[in-house]
Amino acid sequence: MPPQVVALYLALTKTPVILYILSDHRFVGEKLTEYISCVVAARRPRGRRTGNMMREHRISLGKTNIPRGEIRVKATSFHTMIRCTILREHDKPEVTGYILISSIRRVESFTLAKNSLHLLLSNLGLGKLLYHTFYAPRSVLQKTFSQGLFRTLQSRRGHALMRRQAQRLKPLPQTTQPLHEVCFLTGSQYWHQTCFCAYTLQAHTSLPLQFRLFDDGSLTSHQQDTLRALFPWITIISSQESEETLVEHLPPQLFPSLHARRKEYPHLKKLLDIHCGHNGWRLVLDSDMLFFREPSELLQWLQHPTTPMYMLDCITSYGYSLELLQELAGCQLPERVNVGICGLQSDSIDWEQVEYWCKTMIEREGTHYVQEQALTAMLLGGQECTPLSENTYICCPSQNMVEEAAGSLHHYVAESKSWYYQIGWRKSLERIQVL
């Protein structure tokens, strides 16, 4: 059941949903509201001591940083995730997160120990079970309802054909040893997308390129052999090699937050594994992109990099409040940074600063799926940068844009992913055959 529906029901029926924080055997009441601004419950527990204890905790549900104690949530007749906002004194919204409300017909309590539900389940070895039995099916259903059943089936079929076609691609002629390097983070689930992105890039330039792939630890030997046969000048860095380099340059005892976050958030490897220990400039591309024409701006930068370069997103999407990010960075951040294309000078990165940023972001506002993009925007803050043209390097293209092969590159994110599987990769091959 969608969380908005659950929240609306709770609001209309005035079902009591109360959050308690247990600390030193004293309860502190907080008001709980739904993200759609429906107040579910706004009463405090009777006979409990509150006082100034409210100021002692910063709470991010699902990503909590509670010094001690536990969270207790009471609800009725639901087992679902509800997005909610904890209100502090004076009804000022503090943080937003997710809680799992679970009970049968009567009011019961669900207890969450010190850390987040995610961490608790991970420690118990139940994280994957919860993902496969709850989150994954829920995500599939939501996507199916939003896209429609027919479009979803077409996307699945197109994706399966794309995987098979990746193994049938023929190597492009390349006789000159490449001098310029392009990096990817890839793995077993994305190697076919990496194939198409690198293949269409090489097809639209006479500049010899060497592709350096960083394995996230899941590439099979067959997939690696296929990649090496398709790209003669490819280099595949194993996850073990990346780990050894990281430990050498960023010892875990000095950079605990980055190491811990990297284990649970693979996207951070795009920043850590690719740039750590390297001197000079590096260009990193996401795999879920296709080239349709020569990317002149990108190739010019690759040959003569002088400032950091990135592509523009549809909107500014950093996952964290701009106030926090700018406070930590100490400067204004560039807007709409998308790390689908990102060129950085590796040896200019202050890893101690990144460690502090990562730790503080999580402590104050929790974890987020686009944290790596936020960290990159912070690294770019206060510098002269080269944003690529958004009309040429298109993020989240529409169906018409994909059918017309508009621009030089498409980055298939969000709802454009279905056009990627149904139309995009086929159109990219058609463009290569026309050349």
Protein backbone atom coordinates (compact mmCIF):
# COMPACT_ATOMS: atom_id res chain seq x y z
CA MET A 1 0.00 0.00 0.00
CA PRO A 2 1.45 3.42 -0.91
CA PRO A 3 2.67 5.36 2.13
CA GLN A 4 0.61 8.40 1.11
CA VAL A 5 -2.57 6.30 1.31
CA VAL A 6 -1.57 4.89 4.68
CA ALA A 7 -0.74 8.33 6.05
CA LEU A 8 -3.99 9.81 4.76
CA TYR A 9 -5.95 7.00 6.41
CA LEU A 10 -4.12 7.49 9.68
CA ALA A 11 -4.75 11.22 9.52
CA LEU A 12 -8.47 10.91 8.76
CA THR A 13 -9.07 8.21 11.37
CA LYS A 14 -6.82 9.94 13.92
CA THR A 15 -5.02 6.69 14.59
CA PRO A 16 -2.46 7.28 17.36
CA VAL A 17 1.11 7.07 16.12
CA ILE A 18 3.56 8.19 18.79
CA LEU A 19 7.34 8.21 18.76
CA TYR A 20 9.21 7.81 22.03
CA ILE A 21 12.90 8.10 22.74
CA LEU A 22 14.13 6.18 25.75
CA SER A 23 17.17 7.75 27.37
CA ASP A 24 18.40 7.22 30.92
CA HIS A 25 15.01 5.65 31.74
CA ARG A 26 13.19 8.87 30.88
CA PHE A 27 10.79 9.15 27.96
CA VAL A 28 10.79 12.11 25.64
CA GLY A 29 7.76 12.62 23.42
CA GLU A 30 8.00 13.93 19.86
CA LYS A 31 5.21 14.75 17.44
CA LEU A 32 5.04 12.70 14.28
CA THR A 33 3.65 14.03 11.00
CA GLU A 34 3.39 12.56 7.52
CA TYR A 35 5.33 14.07 4.67
CA ILE A 36 2.12 15.20 2.96
CA SER A 37 1.56 17.51 5.94
CA CYS A 38 -1.25 15.49 7.52
CA VAL A 39 -0.78 15.44 11.28
CA VAL A 40 -1.14 11.82 12.31
CA ALA A 41 -0.72 12.42 16.04
CA ALA A 42 0.32 15.44 18.01
CA ARG A 43 -0.08 14.43 21.61
CA ARG A 44 2.58 13.74 24.19
CA PRO A 45 2.61 10.66 26.47
CA ARG A 46 0.92 11.37 29.75
CA GLY A 47 2.95 11.51 32.89
CA ARG A 48 6.27 11.58 31.09
CA ARG A 49 9.14 13.93 31.71
CA THR A 50 10.12 16.01 28.74
CA GLY A 51 11.79 19.30 29.59
CA ASN A 52 15.05 20.09 27.86
CA MET A 53 15.69 16.47 26.92
CA MET A 54 14.24 17.29 23.50
CA ARG A 55 17.37 19.22 22.63
CA GLU A 56 19.69 16.30 23.31
CA HIS A 57 18.88 14.25 20.20
CA ARG A 58 19.11 14.68 16.45
CA ILE A 59 16.95 12.02 14.90
CA SER A 60 16.91 10.73 11.35
CA LEU A 61 14.56 7.79 11.22
CA GLY A 62 15.96 4.85 9.34
CA LYS A 63 19.39 6.49 9.55
CA THR A 64 19.39 7.45 13.20
CA ASN A 65 22.27 8.87 15.19
CA ILE A 66 20.87 8.48 18.69
CA PRO A 67 23.54 8.65 21.41
CA ARG A 68 21.90 5.97 23.52
CA GLY A 69 18.56 4.28 24.05
CA GLU A 70 15.99 3.08 21.59
CA ILE A 71 13.08 4.16 19.43
CA ARG A 72 9.58 2.87 20.03
CA VAL A 73 6.85 3.36 17.48
CA LYS A 74 3.18 2.59 18.06
CA ALA A 75 0.63 2.13 15.30
CA THR A 76 -2.48 0.22 14.33
CA SER A 77 -3.37 -2.26 11.58
CA PHE A 78 -0.52 -1.64 9.16
CA HIS A 79 2.81 -3.06 8.10
CA THR A 80 4.31 -0.49 5.80
CA MET A 81 6.96 2.17 5.36
CA ILE A 82 5.77 5.70 6.09
CA ARG A 83 7.84 8.72 5.19
CA CYS A 84 7.62 11.15 8.06
CA THR A 85 9.08 14.29 9.54
CA ILE A 86 10.00 14.64 13.18
CA LEU A 87 8.98 18.02 14.56
CA ARG A 88 11.03 19.66 17.28
CA GLU A 89 9.88 22.45 19.54
CA HIS A 90 7.84 25.22 17.89
CA ASP A 91 6.81 22.74 15.17
CA LYS A 92 10.01 23.33 13.22
CA PRO A 93 10.76 20.41 10.85
CA GLU A 94 14.08 18.85 11.76
CA VAL A 95 14.77 15.79 9.63
CA THR A 96 12.95 13.45 7.32
CA GLY A 97 13.32 9.69 7.08
CA TYR A 98 11.48 6.39 7.09
CA ILE A 99 10.12 4.18 9.84
CA LEU A 100 8.57 0.76 9.72
CA ILE A 101 5.22 0.69 11.47
CA SER A 102 4.18 -2.84 12.26
CA SER A 103 1.25 -4.20 14.25
CA ILE A 104 -1.95 -6.16 13.97
CA ARG A 105 -5.34 -4.84 15.10
CA ARG A 106 -4.47 -3.36 18.42
CA VAL A 107 -1.89 -0.81 19.36
CA GLU A 108 1.44 -2.52 19.78
CA SER A 109 5.00 -1.30 19.85
CA PHE A 110 7.86 -1.88 17.45
CA THR A 111 11.23 -1.38 19.09
CA LEU A 112 14.30 -0.21 17.21
CA ALA A 113 17.67 -0.43 18.96
CA LYS A 114 20.24 2.38 19.01
CA ASN A 115 21.03 2.50 15.32
CA SER A 116 18.81 2.42 12.25
CA LEU A 117 16.52 -0.38 11.20
CA HIS A 118 18.76 -0.95 8.20
CA LEU A 119 21.84 -1.39 10.40
CA LEU A 120 19.99 -3.55 12.89
CA LEU A 121 18.79 -5.93 10.18
CA SER A 122 22.22 -5.95 8.56
CA ASN A 123 23.78 -7.02 11.84
CA LEU A 124 21.24 -9.79 12.13
CA GLY A 125 21.85 -10.88 8.53
CA LEU A 126 18.27 -10.04 7.56
CA GLY A 127 18.96 -7.02 5.35
CA LYS A 128 18.92 -8.96 2.09
CA LEU A 129 15.84 -10.89 3.19
CA LEU A 130 13.96 -7.66 3.89
CA TYR A 131 15.12 -6.19 0.58
CA HIS A 132 14.01 -9.18 -1.51
CA THR A 133 10.73 -9.74 0.35
CA PHE A 134 9.62 -6.15 0.84
CA TYR A 135 11.57 -3.33 -0.80
CA ALA A 136 12.29 -4.94 -4.17
CA PRO A 137 8.72 -6.19 -4.80
CA ARG A 138 7.35 -2.84 -3.63
CA SER A 139 9.68 -0.97 -5.99
CA VAL A 140 8.68 -3.19 -8.92
CA LEU A 141 4.98 -2.66 -8.22
CA GLN A 142 5.38 1.10 -7.93
CA LYS A 143 7.32 1.26 -11.20
CA THR A 144 4.77 -0.96 -12.94
CA PHE A 145 1.85 1.21 -11.81
CA SER A 146 3.63 4.43 -12.79
CA GLN A 147 4.77 3.22 -16.23
CA GLY A 148 1.92 0.88 -17.06
CA LEU A 149 2.11 -2.88 -17.43
CA PHE A 150 2.71 -2.91 -21.20
CA ARG A 151 5.56 -0.41 -21.06
CA THR A 152 7.15 -2.30 -18.16
CA LEU A 153 7.05 -5.59 -20.08
CA GLN A 154 8.47 -3.91 -23.16
CA SER A 155 11.32 -2.48 -21.08
CA ARG A 156 12.11 -5.86 -19.58
CA ARG A 157 12.16 -7.48 -22.98
CA GLY A 158 14.34 -4.70 -24.41
CA HIS A 159 16.75 -5.01 -21.50
CA ALA A 160 17.11 -8.76 -22.04
CA LEU A 161 17.80 -8.22 -25.75
CA MET A 162 20.36 -5.54 -24.90
CA ARG A 163 22.24 -7.98 -22.65
CA ARG A 164 22.40 -10.54 -25.44
CA GLN A 165 23.42 -7.97 -28.05
CA ALA A 166 26.33 -6.81 -25.89
CA GLN A 167 27.94 -10.22 -26.37
CA ARG A 168 27.54 -9.98 -30.17
CA LEU A 169 29.20 -6.61 -30.68
CA LYS A 170 32.21 -6.74 -32.98
CA PRO A 171 35.46 -4.95 -32.06
CA LEU A 172 35.95 -1.58 -33.72
CA PRO A 173 39.18 -1.07 -35.73
CA GLN A 174 41.84 0.64 -33.65
CA THR A 175 45.49 0.34 -34.67
CA THR A 176 47.06 3.25 -32.77
CA GLN A 177 47.93 2.78 -29.13
CA PRO A 178 45.65 5.11 -27.12
CA LEU A 179 47.04 8.00 -25.13
CA HIS A 180 43.82 9.10 -23.44
CA GLU A 181 41.99 7.20 -20.71
CA VAL A 182 38.30 6.93 -19.85
CA CYS A 183 37.23 5.28 -16.58
CA PHE A 184 34.13 3.32 -15.58
CA LEU A 185 32.93 1.64 -12.39
CA THR A 186 31.16 -1.53 -13.48
CA GLY A 187 30.01 -4.94 -12.33
CA SER A 188 28.01 -8.01 -13.25
CA GLN A 189 24.71 -6.12 -13.39
CA TYR A 190 26.04 -3.25 -15.51
CA TRP A 191 28.82 -4.63 -17.70
CA HIS A 192 26.57 -4.73 -20.80
CA GLN A 193 25.71 -1.05 -20.28
CA THR A 194 29.44 -0.29 -19.96
CA CYS A 195 29.96 -2.14 -23.27
CA PHE A 196 27.42 0.02 -25.08
CA CYS A 197 28.62 3.30 -23.58
CA ALA A 198 32.29 2.67 -24.37
CA TYR A 199 31.48 1.16 -27.77
CA THR A 200 29.33 4.07 -28.94
CA LEU A 201 31.91 6.56 -27.65
CA GLN A 202 34.75 4.90 -29.56
CA ALA A 203 32.59 4.63 -32.69
CA HIS A 204 32.05 8.39 -32.79
CA THR A 205 35.66 9.50 -32.51
CA SER A 206 38.91 8.91 -34.33
CA LEU A 207 40.78 9.56 -31.07
CA PRO A 208 42.16 6.24 -29.75
CA LEU A 209 40.86 5.63 -26.25
CA GLN A 210 41.93 3.31 -23.50
CA PHE A 211 39.12 2.20 -21.22
CA ARG A 212 39.98 1.53 -17.59
CA LEU A 213 37.26 -0.43 -15.81
CA PHE A 214 37.07 -0.68 -12.04
CA ASP A 215 35.36 -3.92 -11.02
CA ASP A 216 32.98 -3.59 -8.08
CA GLY A 217 33.81 -7.19 -7.21
CA SER A 218 31.02 -8.89 -9.15
CA LEU A 219 32.38 -9.24 -12.71
CA THR A 220 32.56 -12.87 -13.83
CA SER A 221 35.49 -14.27 -15.80
CA HIS A 222 33.25 -14.67 -18.86
CA GLN A 223 32.19 -11.02 -18.69
CA GLN A 224 35.80 -9.91 -18.35
CA ASP A 225 36.81 -12.03 -21.36
CA THR A 226 33.97 -10.50 -23.42
CA LEU A 227 35.08 -6.98 -22.48
CA ARG A 228 38.74 -7.69 -23.34
CA ALA A 229 37.78 -9.17 -26.71
CA LEU A 230 35.64 -6.13 -27.55
CA PHE A 231 38.17 -3.51 -26.41
CA PRO A 232 41.78 -4.60 -27.08
CA TRP A 233 43.23 -1.69 -25.07
CA ILE A 234 41.07 -2.23 -22.00
CA THR A 235 42.40 -2.47 -18.44
CA ILE A 236 40.29 -4.09 -15.72
CA ILE A 237 41.16 -3.21 -12.12
CA SER A 238 39.98 -5.88 -9.70
CA SER A 239 38.20 -4.97 -6.49
CA GLN A 240 41.14 -6.45 -4.56
CA GLU A 241 43.58 -4.12 -6.33
CA SER A 242 41.35 -1.15 -5.57
CA GLU A 243 41.08 -2.20 -1.93
CA GLU A 244 44.87 -2.50 -1.59
CA THR A 245 45.41 0.93 -3.15
CA LEU A 246 42.79 2.45 -0.89
CA VAL A 247 44.30 0.94 2.27
CA GLU A 248 47.75 2.15 1.23
CA HIS A 249 46.75 5.76 0.59
CA LEU A 250 43.74 6.08 2.93
CA PRO A 251 44.36 3.86 5.99
CA PRO A 252 41.08 2.71 7.58
CA GLN A 253 42.14 3.93 11.01
CA LEU A 254 42.51 7.47 9.66
CA PHE A 255 39.55 7.39 7.25
CA PRO A 256 36.95 5.21 9.02
CA SER A 257 33.86 6.95 7.61
CA LEU A 258 34.92 6.62 3.98
CA HIS A 259 35.81 2.95 4.37
CA ALA A 260 32.58 2.15 6.21
CA ARG A 261 30.42 4.07 3.75
CA ARG A 262 32.17 2.51 0.74
CA LYS A 263 31.19 -0.98 1.92
CA GLU A 264 27.48 -0.18 2.05
CA TYR A 265 27.33 2.43 -0.74
CA PRO A 266 29.05 1.19 -3.95
CA HIS A 267 28.60 4.53 -5.73
CA LEU A 268 31.32 5.98 -3.52
CA LYS A 269 33.81 3.74 -5.35
CA LYS A 270 33.48 6.08 -8.34
CA LEU A 271 35.21 8.70 -6.26
CA LEU A 272 37.45 6.63 -4.00
CA ASP A 273 38.62 3.71 -6.14
CA ILE A 274 39.11 5.70 -9.34
CA HIS A 275 40.82 8.80 -7.96
CA CYS A 276 42.65 7.59 -4.86
CA GLY A 277 46.39 7.22 -5.46
CA HIS A 278 46.26 8.67 -8.97
CA ASN A 279 48.12 11.76 -10.16
CA GLY A 280 46.67 14.00 -12.84
CA TRP A 281 43.25 14.29 -14.45
CA ARG A 282 40.73 11.50 -14.84
CA LEU A 283 37.48 11.31 -16.78
CA VAL A 284 34.79 9.07 -15.27
CA LEU A 285 31.62 8.05 -17.13
CA ASP A 286 28.47 6.30 -15.93
CA SER A 287 27.57 3.14 -17.80
CA ASP A 288 23.90 3.98 -18.45
CA MET A 289 24.71 6.44 -21.25
CA LEU A 290 24.88 6.26 -25.05
CA PHE A 291 26.68 8.40 -27.64
CA PHE A 292 25.01 9.33 -30.94
CA ARG A 293 27.48 11.84 -32.36
CA GLU A 294 31.04 12.94 -31.78
CA PRO A 295 31.22 14.52 -28.30
CA SER A 296 33.50 17.39 -29.31
CA GLU A 297 33.47 19.24 -25.97
CA LEU A 298 34.22 16.10 -24.02
CA LEU A 299 37.06 15.02 -26.33
CA GLN A 300 38.58 18.49 -26.29
CA TRP A 301 38.62 18.44 -22.50
CA LEU A 302 40.09 14.92 -22.49
CA GLN A 303 43.02 16.08 -24.60
CA HIS A 304 43.62 19.38 -22.77
CA PRO A 305 42.05 19.39 -19.29
CA THR A 306 42.53 22.59 -17.34
CA THR A 307 39.44 22.82 -15.10
CA PRO A 308 37.01 20.26 -13.63
CA MET A 309 34.26 19.22 -16.03
CA TYR A 310 30.77 17.78 -15.49
CA MET A 311 27.42 17.37 -17.21
CA LEU A 312 24.27 19.22 -16.13
CA ASP A 313 21.41 17.48 -14.37
CA CYS A 314 17.73 18.29 -14.95
CA ILE A 315 17.54 19.74 -11.45
CA THR A 316 19.90 20.21 -8.53
CA SER A 317 19.86 16.83 -6.80
CA TYR A 318 22.34 16.42 -3.96
CA GLY A 319 20.15 14.64 -1.41
CA TYR A 320 21.19 16.96 1.42
CA SER A 321 20.18 20.47 2.37
CA LEU A 322 22.11 23.11 0.46
CA GLU A 323 22.70 24.93 3.75
CA LEU A 324 24.59 21.96 5.20
CA LEU A 325 26.65 21.33 2.06
CA GLN A 326 27.68 24.97 1.71
CA GLU A 327 28.45 25.21 5.41
CA LEU A 328 30.82 22.24 5.12
CA ALA A 329 32.36 23.30 1.81
CA GLY A 330 32.72 26.91 2.93
CA CYS A 331 31.57 28.26 -0.44
CA GLN A 332 28.74 28.31 -2.96
CA LEU A 333 28.20 25.03 -4.81
CA PRO A 334 27.63 24.78 -8.56
CA GLU A 335 24.05 23.91 -9.42
CA ARG A 336 22.78 20.80 -11.22
CA VAL A 337 26.02 18.80 -11.10
CA ASN A 338 25.47 15.33 -12.56
CA VAL A 339 28.33 12.87 -12.21
CA GLY A 340 27.33 10.83 -15.27
CA ILE A 341 30.25 12.69 -16.85
CA CYS A 342 32.85 14.03 -14.45
CA GLY A 343 36.47 15.03 -14.92
CA LEU A 344 38.55 15.78 -11.82
CA GLN A 345 42.21 16.28 -10.99
CA SER A 346 42.75 13.30 -8.72
CA ASP A 347 45.77 14.58 -6.82
CA SER A 348 43.99 17.83 -5.91
CA ILE A 349 41.37 16.04 -3.79
CA ASP A 350 41.76 16.64 -0.06
CA TRP A 351 40.79 13.22 1.30
CA GLU A 352 40.88 14.34 4.93
CA GLN A 353 38.31 16.97 4.04
CA VAL A 354 36.17 14.39 2.20
CA GLU A 355 36.35 12.11 5.25
CA TYR A 356 35.09 14.94 7.48
CA TRP A 357 32.34 15.84 5.00
CA CYS A 358 31.15 12.24 4.70
CA LYS A 359 31.09 11.73 8.47
CA THR A 360 29.31 15.01 9.21
CA MET A 361 26.71 14.60 6.45
CA ILE A 362 25.67 11.23 7.83
CA GLU A 363 25.65 12.41 11.44
CA ARG A 364 23.49 15.43 10.69
CA GLU A 365 21.18 14.33 7.87
CA GLY A 366 21.72 10.61 7.42
CA THR A 367 22.76 8.64 4.36
CA HIS A 368 21.51 9.29 0.84
CA TYR A 369 21.60 7.56 -2.53
CA VAL A 370 23.23 10.55 -4.26
CA GLN A 371 25.81 11.30 -1.56
CA GLU A 372 28.65 10.75 -4.04
CA GLN A 373 27.13 13.41 -6.30
CA ALA A 374 26.87 15.80 -3.34
CA LEU A 375 30.51 15.19 -2.38
CA THR A 376 31.59 15.85 -5.96
CA ALA A 377 29.64 19.12 -6.05
CA MET A 378 31.39 20.12 -2.83
CA LEU A 379 34.79 19.37 -4.39
CA LEU A 380 33.82 21.58 -7.33
CA GLY A 381 32.67 24.43 -5.11
CA GLY A 382 34.68 27.62 -5.37
CA GLN A 383 36.49 26.47 -8.53
CA GLU A 384 36.25 27.49 -12.14
CA CYS A 385 34.54 24.57 -13.86
CA THR A 386 33.46 23.46 -17.33
CA PRO A 387 29.80 22.38 -17.44
CA LEU A 388 28.90 20.63 -20.69
CA SER A 389 26.05 21.91 -22.86
CA GLU A 390 22.75 20.47 -21.62
CA ASN A 391 21.34 20.45 -25.18
CA THR A 392 24.20 18.27 -26.39
CA TYR A 393 24.74 16.11 -23.32
CA ILE A 394 21.18 15.33 -22.33
CA CYS A 395 20.19 14.02 -18.92
CA CYS A 396 16.88 12.08 -18.75
CA PRO A 397 15.87 12.41 -22.42
CA SER A 398 12.23 12.22 -23.46
CA GLN A 399 10.88 9.55 -25.80
CA ASN A 400 11.01 11.96 -28.74
CA MET A 401 14.62 12.87 -27.99
CA VAL A 402 15.57 9.20 -27.94
CA GLU A 403 13.70 8.42 -31.17
CA GLU A 404 15.33 11.39 -32.90
CA ALA A 405 18.77 10.68 -31.38
CA ALA A 406 18.98 14.31 -30.28
CA GLY A 407 22.30 15.69 -29.09
CA SER A 408 25.58 13.81 -28.74
CA LEU A 409 24.89 11.85 -25.55
CA HIS A 410 21.96 10.65 -23.48
CA HIS A 411 22.15 9.82 -19.78
CA TYR A 412 19.23 7.50 -19.04
CA VAL A 413 18.08 8.17 -15.50
CA ALA A 414 14.68 7.95 -13.79
CA GLU A 415 11.75 7.52 -16.19
CA SER A 416 13.97 7.66 -19.29
CA LYS A 417 15.39 4.24 -18.39
CA SER A 418 12.54 2.50 -20.21
CA TRP A 419 13.34 4.40 -23.45
CA TYR A 420 16.96 3.30 -22.98
CA TYR A 421 15.95 -0.37 -23.02
CA GLN A 422 13.23 -0.10 -25.67
CA ILE A 423 14.72 2.38 -28.16
CA GLY A 424 18.04 3.93 -27.15
CA TRP A 425 20.56 1.11 -27.57
CA ARG A 426 19.03 0.06 -30.90
CA LYS A 427 19.11 3.65 -32.16
CA SER A 428 22.77 3.97 -31.13
CA LEU A 429 23.70 0.92 -33.22
CA GLU A 430 21.74 2.30 -36.18
CA ARG A 431 23.75 5.52 -35.95
CA ILE A 432 27.03 3.57 -36.02
CA GLN A 433 25.98 1.62 -39.12
CA VAL A 434 25.11 4.87 -40.91
CA LEU A 435 28.59 6.32 -40.35
